[in-house]
Each structure stands twice: as structure tokens, then as C-alpha cells.
């Protein structure tokens, strides 16, 4: 999921792709660390995603499994 400005300029990539993670359809892994710290709360407040308590290891970090609401 890429976030863009109202003018269409790229701001950030909110998701990570982990091909072998077997996440359910309509779910995404949100990168809520490093330069994206805080993005999960913003996406949840905007009702774009619903967080779950599940985290998936991505390299040395963990991504948050969320249901995609849109």
C-alpha cells in the first residue's frame, strides 16, 4: 500500500511483502517501524485497517498483521 499526497506525490509505502507468510486474503502487513513509525495508528484511525494482535517477523523487525477495510 503506497500513500500519496492529494497531488499524487509519493509519501510512503505502508506495507511490506512477505511472500511465504501465508496471510489471509484482505489482510496486509503494516510496516510500523523505522521511518514509518506511527503509521499504523494513523491508518487505524482513518479506518483503512483494523489491527490484530499478530506480528510477523520481517528480517530483524516485526510487521503488524491488519485487516484491510477498503
C-alpha atoms as a PDB file:
ATOM      1  CA  UNK A   1       0.000   0.000   0.000  1.00  0.00           C
ATOM      2  CA  UNK A   2       1.509   3.282  -1.080  1.00  0.00           C
ATOM      3  CA  UNK A   3       0.496   6.546   0.497  1.00  0.00           C
ATOM      4  CA  UNK A   4       0.345   9.574  -1.787  1.00  0.00           C
ATOM      5  CA  UNK A   5      -0.375  13.257  -1.318  1.00  0.00           C
ATOM      6  CA  UNK A   6      -3.508  14.923  -2.681  1.00  0.00           C
ATOM      7  CA  UNK A   7      -1.370  15.909  -5.674  1.00  0.00           C
ATOM      8  CA  UNK A   8      -0.420  12.271  -6.277  1.00  0.00           C
ATOM      9  CA  UNK A   9       3.149  12.587  -4.996  1.00  0.00           C
ATOM     10  CA  UNK A  10       4.506   9.505  -3.158  1.00  0.00           C
ATOM     11  CA  UNK A  11       4.804   9.860   0.627  1.00  0.00           C
ATOM     12  CA  UNK A  12       5.496   6.351   1.955  1.00  0.00           C
ATOM     13  CA  UNK A  13       4.977   2.638   1.453  1.00  0.00           C
ATOM     14  CA  UNK A  14       2.920   1.369   4.403  1.00  0.00           C
ATOM     15  CA  UNK A  15       3.014  -2.376   3.733  1.00  0.00           C
ATOM     16  CA  UNK A  16       5.693  -5.000   3.402  1.00  0.00           C
ATOM     17  CA  UNK A  17       5.626  -8.012   1.108  1.00  0.00           C
ATOM     18  CA  UNK A  18       6.486 -11.349   2.706  1.00  0.00           C
ATOM     19  CA  UNK A  19       5.598 -13.997   0.087  1.00  0.00           C
ATOM     20  CA  UNK A  20       5.948 -17.010   2.417  1.00  0.00           C
ATOM     21  CA  UNK A  21       3.899 -15.525   5.273  1.00  0.00           C
ATOM     22  CA  UNK A  22       0.557 -17.061   4.162  1.00  0.00           C
ATOM     23  CA  UNK A  23      -1.505 -14.146   5.408  1.00  0.00           C
ATOM     24  CA  UNK A  24      -5.263 -14.340   4.754  1.00  0.00           C
ATOM     25  CA  UNK A  25      -6.830 -12.525   1.818  1.00  0.00           C
ATOM     26  CA  UNK A  26      -7.886  -8.954   2.690  1.00  0.00           C
ATOM     27  CA  UNK A  27      -5.086  -8.679   5.269  1.00  0.00           C
ATOM     28  CA  UNK A  28      -1.873  -6.679   4.997  1.00  0.00           C
ATOM     29  CA  UNK A  29       1.401  -6.401   6.884  1.00  0.00           C
ATOM     30  CA  UNK A  30       1.938  -2.820   8.006  1.00  0.00           C
ATOM     31  CA  UNK A  31       5.490  -1.507   8.388  1.00  0.00           C
ATOM     32  CA  UNK A  32       5.173   0.416  11.644  1.00  0.00           C
ATOM     33  CA  UNK A  33       8.887   0.794  12.382  1.00  0.00           C
ATOM     34  CA  UNK A  34      11.840   2.885  11.281  1.00  0.00           C
ATOM     35  CA  UNK A  35      10.711   5.814   9.099  1.00  0.00           C
ATOM     36  CA  UNK A  36       7.099   4.504   9.197  1.00  0.00           C
ATOM     37  CA  UNK A  37       6.780   4.534  12.991  1.00  0.00           C
ATOM     38  CA  UNK A  38       3.258   5.723  13.868  1.00  0.00           C
ATOM     39  CA  UNK A  39       1.682   4.877  10.500  1.00  0.00           C
ATOM     40  CA  UNK A  40      -0.376   2.006  11.971  1.00  0.00           C
ATOM     41  CA  UNK A  41      -2.219   4.330  14.345  1.00  0.00           C
ATOM     42  CA  UNK A  42      -2.965   6.789  11.546  1.00  0.00           C
ATOM     43  CA  UNK A  43      -4.287   4.066   9.215  1.00  0.00           C
ATOM     44  CA  UNK A  44      -6.417   2.588  12.016  1.00  0.00           C
ATOM     45  CA  UNK A  45      -7.876   5.999  12.962  1.00  0.00           C
ATOM     46  CA  UNK A  46      -8.771   6.555   9.297  1.00  0.00           C
ATOM     47  CA  UNK A  47     -10.487   3.107   9.319  1.00  0.00           C
ATOM     48  CA  UNK A  48      -8.271   1.906   6.469  1.00  0.00           C
ATOM     49  CA  UNK A  49      -7.018  -1.057   8.512  1.00  0.00           C
ATOM     50  CA  UNK A  50      -8.043  -2.891  11.669  1.00  0.00           C
ATOM     51  CA  UNK A  51      -5.014  -4.054  13.674  1.00  0.00           C
ATOM     52  CA  UNK A  52      -4.774  -7.578  15.059  1.00  0.00           C
ATOM     53  CA  UNK A  53      -2.505  -8.693  17.913  1.00  0.00           C
ATOM     54  CA  UNK A  54      -0.429 -10.748  15.432  1.00  0.00           C
ATOM     55  CA  UNK A  55       3.070  -9.661  14.394  1.00  0.00           C
ATOM     56  CA  UNK A  56       5.112 -11.241  11.591  1.00  0.00           C
ATOM     57  CA  UNK A  57       8.894 -11.224  11.607  1.00  0.00           C
ATOM     58  CA  UNK A  58      10.354  -9.352   8.651  1.00  0.00           C
ATOM     59  CA  UNK A  59      14.133  -9.541   8.744  1.00  0.00           C
ATOM     60  CA  UNK A  60      15.150  -8.089  12.115  1.00  0.00           C
ATOM     61  CA  UNK A  61      11.833  -6.272  12.620  1.00  0.00           C
ATOM     62  CA  UNK A  62       8.175  -7.167  13.038  1.00  0.00           C
ATOM     63  CA  UNK A  63       5.248  -6.052  10.885  1.00  0.00           C
ATOM     64  CA  UNK A  64       1.691  -5.776  12.192  1.00  0.00           C
ATOM     65  CA  UNK A  65      -0.963  -8.005  10.613  1.00  0.00           C
ATOM     66  CA  UNK A  66      -4.062  -5.907   9.892  1.00  0.00           C
ATOM     67  CA  UNK A  67      -7.362  -6.461   8.157  1.00  0.00           C
ATOM     68  CA  UNK A  68      -7.740  -4.178   5.159  1.00  0.00           C
ATOM     69  CA  UNK A  69     -11.052  -2.295   5.397  1.00  0.00           C
ATOM     70  CA  UNK A  70     -11.143  -0.766   1.914  1.00  0.00           C
END
